[in-house]
């Protein structure tokens, strides 16, 4: 119980830091703060604006917020016929139910990793639709390596 109380306190600190710092250039519609699994002071923040999402890494121990307006901005993808069809499938509906920060993107004729492109008749085209959830977009492995190498986050 003490651990959860501590995590909730750090979550509040991350939220306060983000609310008192201008991270995006547009008004924020909603925010989320996801904890890093190993370091209780590191938080992955997701901020949604009308046109894009912006992520930031927050260290509640130092008060440092790291976000790059170029690299950490994910523009909201346009809806296509393929993404709308994928959202209506059973798997798509389950994913969107679970993925509170889900992004569905039509990546074009790029085969999914480990799969060959489909063999279709000449008059038919295919596309790959990618479902991701921004809650899990933090650079965990890179951060863990840096912490191991330097001894600090």
C-alpha atoms as a PDB file:
ATOM      1  CA  UNK A   1       0.000   0.000   0.000  1.00  0.00           C
ATOM      2  CA  UNK A   2       2.873   2.357   0.796  1.00  0.00           C
ATOM      3  CA  UNK A   3       4.370   1.758  -2.668  1.00  0.00           C
ATOM      4  CA  UNK A   4       1.105   2.716  -4.378  1.00  0.00           C
ATOM      5  CA  UNK A   5       0.838   5.839  -2.259  1.00  0.00           C
ATOM      6  CA  UNK A   6       4.369   6.839  -3.202  1.00  0.00           C
ATOM      7  CA  UNK A   7       3.647   6.196  -6.917  1.00  0.00           C
ATOM      8  CA  UNK A   8       0.478   8.275  -6.691  1.00  0.00           C
ATOM      9  CA  UNK A   9       2.462  11.096  -5.085  1.00  0.00           C
ATOM     10  CA  UNK A  10       5.089  10.990  -7.865  1.00  0.00           C
ATOM     11  CA  UNK A  11       2.285  10.923 -10.459  1.00  0.00           C
ATOM     12  CA  UNK A  12       0.922  14.123  -8.895  1.00  0.00           C
ATOM     13  CA  UNK A  13       4.363  15.726  -9.050  1.00  0.00           C
ATOM     14  CA  UNK A  14       4.733  14.794 -12.723  1.00  0.00           C
ATOM     15  CA  UNK A  15       1.301  16.289 -13.463  1.00  0.00           C
ATOM     16  CA  UNK A  16       2.111  19.498 -11.565  1.00  0.00           C
ATOM     17  CA  UNK A  17       5.420  19.882 -13.395  1.00  0.00           C
ATOM     18  CA  UNK A  18       3.726  19.437 -16.773  1.00  0.00           C
ATOM     19  CA  UNK A  19       0.857  21.798 -15.928  1.00  0.00           C
ATOM     20  CA  UNK A  20       3.291  24.525 -14.813  1.00  0.00           C
ATOM     21  CA  UNK A  21       5.586  24.223 -17.838  1.00  0.00           C
ATOM     22  CA  UNK A  22       4.775  25.113 -21.423  1.00  0.00           C
ATOM     23  CA  UNK A  23       5.620  21.912 -23.287  1.00  0.00           C
ATOM     24  CA  UNK A  24       3.428  22.372 -26.362  1.00  0.00           C
ATOM     25  CA  UNK A  25       2.727  25.482 -28.409  1.00  0.00           C
ATOM     26  CA  UNK A  26      -0.998  24.670 -28.691  1.00  0.00           C
ATOM     27  CA  UNK A  27      -3.640  24.326 -25.967  1.00  0.00           C
ATOM     28  CA  UNK A  28      -3.645  20.880 -24.349  1.00  0.00           C
ATOM     29  CA  UNK A  29      -6.933  18.931 -24.459  1.00  0.00           C
ATOM     30  CA  UNK A  30      -5.861  16.029 -22.206  1.00  0.00           C
ATOM     31  CA  UNK A  31      -2.734  14.587 -20.575  1.00  0.00           C
ATOM     32  CA  UNK A  32      -1.531  11.244 -19.284  1.00  0.00           C
ATOM     33  CA  UNK A  33       1.497  10.244 -17.242  1.00  0.00           C
ATOM     34  CA  UNK A  34       2.868   6.731 -17.522  1.00  0.00           C
ATOM     35  CA  UNK A  35       5.512   5.470 -15.078  1.00  0.00           C
ATOM     36  CA  UNK A  36       8.755   3.875 -16.141  1.00  0.00           C
ATOM     37  CA  UNK A  37       8.870   0.300 -14.830  1.00  0.00           C
ATOM     38  CA  UNK A  38      12.229   0.569 -13.054  1.00  0.00           C
ATOM     39  CA  UNK A  39      12.743   4.198 -12.038  1.00  0.00           C
ATOM     40  CA  UNK A  40       9.936   5.558  -9.829  1.00  0.00           C
ATOM     41  CA  UNK A  41      10.934   9.161 -10.583  1.00  0.00           C
ATOM     42  CA  UNK A  42      10.709   8.917 -14.399  1.00  0.00           C
ATOM     43  CA  UNK A  43       7.403   9.505 -16.167  1.00  0.00           C
ATOM     44  CA  UNK A  44       6.394   9.406 -19.825  1.00  0.00           C
ATOM     45  CA  UNK A  45       3.941  12.259 -20.445  1.00  0.00           C
ATOM     46  CA  UNK A  46       1.513  12.376 -23.351  1.00  0.00           C
ATOM     47  CA  UNK A  47      -0.168  15.662 -24.186  1.00  0.00           C
ATOM     48  CA  UNK A  48      -2.943  15.865 -26.758  1.00  0.00           C
ATOM     49  CA  UNK A  49      -3.725  19.007 -28.742  1.00  0.00           C
ATOM     50  CA  UNK A  50      -6.244  19.447 -31.557  1.00  0.00           C
ATOM     51  CA  UNK A  51      -3.678  18.610 -34.272  1.00  0.00           C
ATOM     52  CA  UNK A  52      -1.032  16.444 -32.630  1.00  0.00           C
ATOM     53  CA  UNK A  53       0.258  14.552 -29.617  1.00  0.00           C
ATOM     54  CA  UNK A  54       3.470  15.566 -27.907  1.00  0.00           C
ATOM     55  CA  UNK A  55       5.430  13.356 -25.560  1.00  0.00           C
ATOM     56  CA  UNK A  56       7.828  14.389 -22.825  1.00  0.00           C
ATOM     57  CA  UNK A  57      10.014  12.632 -20.294  1.00  0.00           C
ATOM     58  CA  UNK A  58       9.667  13.971 -16.750  1.00  0.00           C
ATOM     59  CA  UNK A  59      12.035  13.382 -13.844  1.00  0.00           C
ATOM     60  CA  UNK A  60      10.192  14.191 -10.613  1.00  0.00           C
ATOM     61  CA  UNK A  61      13.383  13.987  -8.550  1.00  0.00           C
ATOM     62  CA  UNK A  62      15.116  16.828 -10.432  1.00  0.00           C
ATOM     63  CA  UNK A  63      12.079  18.558 -11.948  1.00  0.00           C
ATOM     64  CA  UNK A  64      13.570  18.163 -15.427  1.00  0.00           C
ATOM     65  CA  UNK A  65      11.232  17.909 -18.425  1.00  0.00           C
ATOM     66  CA  UNK A  66      12.718  16.782 -21.742  1.00  0.00           C
ATOM     67  CA  UNK A  67      10.694  17.209 -24.911  1.00  0.00           C
ATOM     68  CA  UNK A  68      11.758  18.104 -28.433  1.00  0.00           C
ATOM     69  CA  UNK A  69       9.176  19.998 -30.506  1.00  0.00           C
ATOM     70  CA  UNK A  70      10.579  18.273 -33.614  1.00  0.00           C
ATOM     71  CA  UNK A  71      11.168  14.675 -32.505  1.00  0.00           C
ATOM     72  CA  UNK A  72       8.470  14.257 -29.849  1.00  0.00           C
ATOM     73  CA  UNK A  73       5.476  15.447 -31.876  1.00  0.00           C
ATOM     74  CA  UNK A  74       3.176  12.857 -33.443  1.00  0.00           C
ATOM     75  CA  UNK A  75       0.697  14.427 -35.836  1.00  0.00           C
ATOM     76  CA  UNK A  76      -2.752  12.870 -35.805  1.00  0.00           C
ATOM     77  CA  UNK A  77      -3.042  10.686 -38.907  1.00  0.00           C
ATOM     78  CA  UNK A  78      -5.847  11.276 -41.369  1.00  0.00           C
ATOM     79  CA  UNK A  79      -8.627   8.714 -41.459  1.00  0.00           C
ATOM     80  CA  UNK A  80      -8.611   6.540 -44.569  1.00  0.00           C
ATOM     81  CA  UNK A  81     -10.960   3.834 -45.801  1.00  0.00           C
ATOM     82  CA  UNK A  82      -8.416   1.237 -44.645  1.00  0.00           C
ATOM     83  CA  UNK A  83      -8.115   2.648 -41.110  1.00  0.00           C
ATOM     84  CA  UNK A  84     -11.885   2.943 -40.756  1.00  0.00           C
ATOM     85  CA  UNK A  85     -12.333  -0.677 -41.896  1.00  0.00           C
ATOM     86  CA  UNK A  86      -9.596  -1.852 -39.511  1.00  0.00           C
ATOM     87  CA  UNK A  87     -11.262  -0.029 -36.603  1.00  0.00           C
ATOM     88  CA  UNK A  88     -14.529  -1.902 -37.281  1.00  0.00           C
ATOM     89  CA  UNK A  89     -12.958  -5.363 -37.081  1.00  0.00           C
ATOM     90  CA  UNK A  90     -13.340  -7.278 -33.828  1.00  0.00           C
ATOM     91  CA  UNK A  91      -9.617  -6.984 -33.070  1.00  0.00           C
ATOM     92  CA  UNK A  92      -9.676  -3.275 -33.907  1.00  0.00           C
ATOM     93  CA  UNK A  93     -12.641  -2.670 -31.602  1.00  0.00           C
ATOM     94  CA  UNK A  94     -10.977  -4.541 -28.744  1.00  0.00           C
ATOM     95  CA  UNK A  95      -7.713  -2.615 -29.237  1.00  0.00           C
ATOM     96  CA  UNK A  96      -9.493   0.744 -29.337  1.00  0.00           C
ATOM     97  CA  UNK A  97     -11.459  -0.203 -26.224  1.00  0.00           C
ATOM     98  CA  UNK A  98      -8.216  -0.993 -24.381  1.00  0.00           C
ATOM     99  CA  UNK A  99      -5.898   1.596 -25.957  1.00  0.00           C
ATOM    100  CA  UNK A 100      -6.829   4.879 -24.315  1.00  0.00           C
ATOM    101  CA  UNK A 101      -4.084   6.598 -26.343  1.00  0.00           C
ATOM    102  CA  UNK A 102      -4.446   4.521 -29.500  1.00  0.00           C
ATOM    103  CA  UNK A 103      -3.251   5.853 -32.846  1.00  0.00           C
ATOM    104  CA  UNK A 104      -4.362   4.091 -36.025  1.00  0.00           C
ATOM    105  CA  UNK A 105      -2.256   4.832 -39.089  1.00  0.00           C
ATOM    106  CA  UNK A 106      -2.364   3.726 -42.719  1.00  0.00           C
ATOM    107  CA  UNK A 107       1.307   3.067 -43.538  1.00  0.00           C
ATOM    108  CA  UNK A 108       0.698   2.132 -47.165  1.00  0.00           C
ATOM    109  CA  UNK A 109       2.021  -0.862 -49.022  1.00  0.00           C
ATOM    110  CA  UNK A 110       4.628  -1.798 -46.447  1.00  0.00           C
ATOM    111  CA  UNK A 111       4.441  -5.448 -45.401  1.00  0.00           C
ATOM    112  CA  UNK A 112       4.159  -6.182 -41.695  1.00  0.00           C
ATOM    113  CA  UNK A 113       7.487  -7.347 -40.229  1.00  0.00           C
ATOM    114  CA  UNK A 114       8.021 -11.058 -40.824  1.00  0.00           C
ATOM    115  CA  UNK A 115       5.241 -11.325 -43.394  1.00  0.00           C
ATOM    116  CA  UNK A 116       5.311 -11.395 -47.176  1.00  0.00           C
ATOM    117  CA  UNK A 117       3.045  -8.971 -49.015  1.00  0.00           C
ATOM    118  CA  UNK A 118      -0.330 -10.443 -49.957  1.00  0.00           C
ATOM    119  CA  UNK A 119      -0.735 -11.886 -53.449  1.00  0.00           C
ATOM    120  CA  UNK A 120      -3.828 -10.185 -54.869  1.00  0.00           C
ATOM    121  CA  UNK A 121      -5.293  -9.945 -58.367  1.00  0.00           C
ATOM    122  CA  UNK A 122      -3.972  -7.044 -60.471  1.00  0.00           C
ATOM    123  CA  UNK A 123      -7.090  -4.914 -59.969  1.00  0.00           C
ATOM    124  CA  UNK A 124      -6.897  -4.992 -56.143  1.00  0.00           C
ATOM    125  CA  UNK A 125      -4.549  -3.074 -53.844  1.00  0.00           C
ATOM    126  CA  UNK A 126      -3.577  -3.683 -50.251  1.00  0.00           C
ATOM    127  CA  UNK A 127      -2.365  -1.491 -47.410  1.00  0.00           C
ATOM    128  CA  UNK A 128      -0.996  -2.040 -43.936  1.00  0.00           C
ATOM    129  CA  UNK A 129      -2.761  -0.442 -40.972  1.00  0.00           C
ATOM    130  CA  UNK A 130      -0.749   0.033 -37.790  1.00  0.00           C
ATOM    131  CA  UNK A 131      -2.289   0.259 -34.315  1.00  0.00           C
ATOM    132  CA  UNK A 132      -0.077   1.773 -31.603  1.00  0.00           C
ATOM    133  CA  UNK A 133      -0.712   3.105 -28.121  1.00  0.00           C
ATOM    134  CA  UNK A 134       1.244   6.186 -27.078  1.00  0.00           C
ATOM    135  CA  UNK A 135       1.341   5.008 -23.448  1.00  0.00           C
ATOM    136  CA  UNK A 136       4.091   2.591 -24.448  1.00  0.00           C
ATOM    137  CA  UNK A 137       6.091   4.931 -26.688  1.00  0.00           C
ATOM    138  CA  UNK A 138       8.754   5.769 -24.147  1.00  0.00           C
ATOM    139  CA  UNK A 139      12.399   4.920 -24.883  1.00  0.00           C
ATOM    140  CA  UNK A 140      12.697   2.351 -22.100  1.00  0.00           C
ATOM    141  CA  UNK A 141      15.647   0.321 -23.419  1.00  0.00           C
ATOM    142  CA  UNK A 142      17.722   3.373 -24.273  1.00  0.00           C
ATOM    143  CA  UNK A 143      16.992   4.910 -20.875  1.00  0.00           C
ATOM    144  CA  UNK A 144      17.859   1.691 -19.052  1.00  0.00           C
ATOM    145  CA  UNK A 145      21.176   1.422 -20.909  1.00  0.00           C
ATOM    146  CA  UNK A 146      22.045   5.061 -20.144  1.00  0.00           C
ATOM    147  CA  UNK A 147      21.203   4.559 -16.464  1.00  0.00           C
ATOM    148  CA  UNK A 148      23.387   1.451 -16.306  1.00  0.00           C
ATOM    149  CA  UNK A 149      26.290   3.163 -18.089  1.00  0.00           C
ATOM    150  CA  UNK A 150      26.226   6.448 -16.172  1.00  0.00           C
ATOM    151  CA  UNK A 151      24.700   5.315 -12.901  1.00  0.00           C
ATOM    152  CA  UNK A 152      22.059   8.043 -13.181  1.00  0.00           C
ATOM    153  CA  UNK A 153      18.865   8.647 -15.180  1.00  0.00           C
END
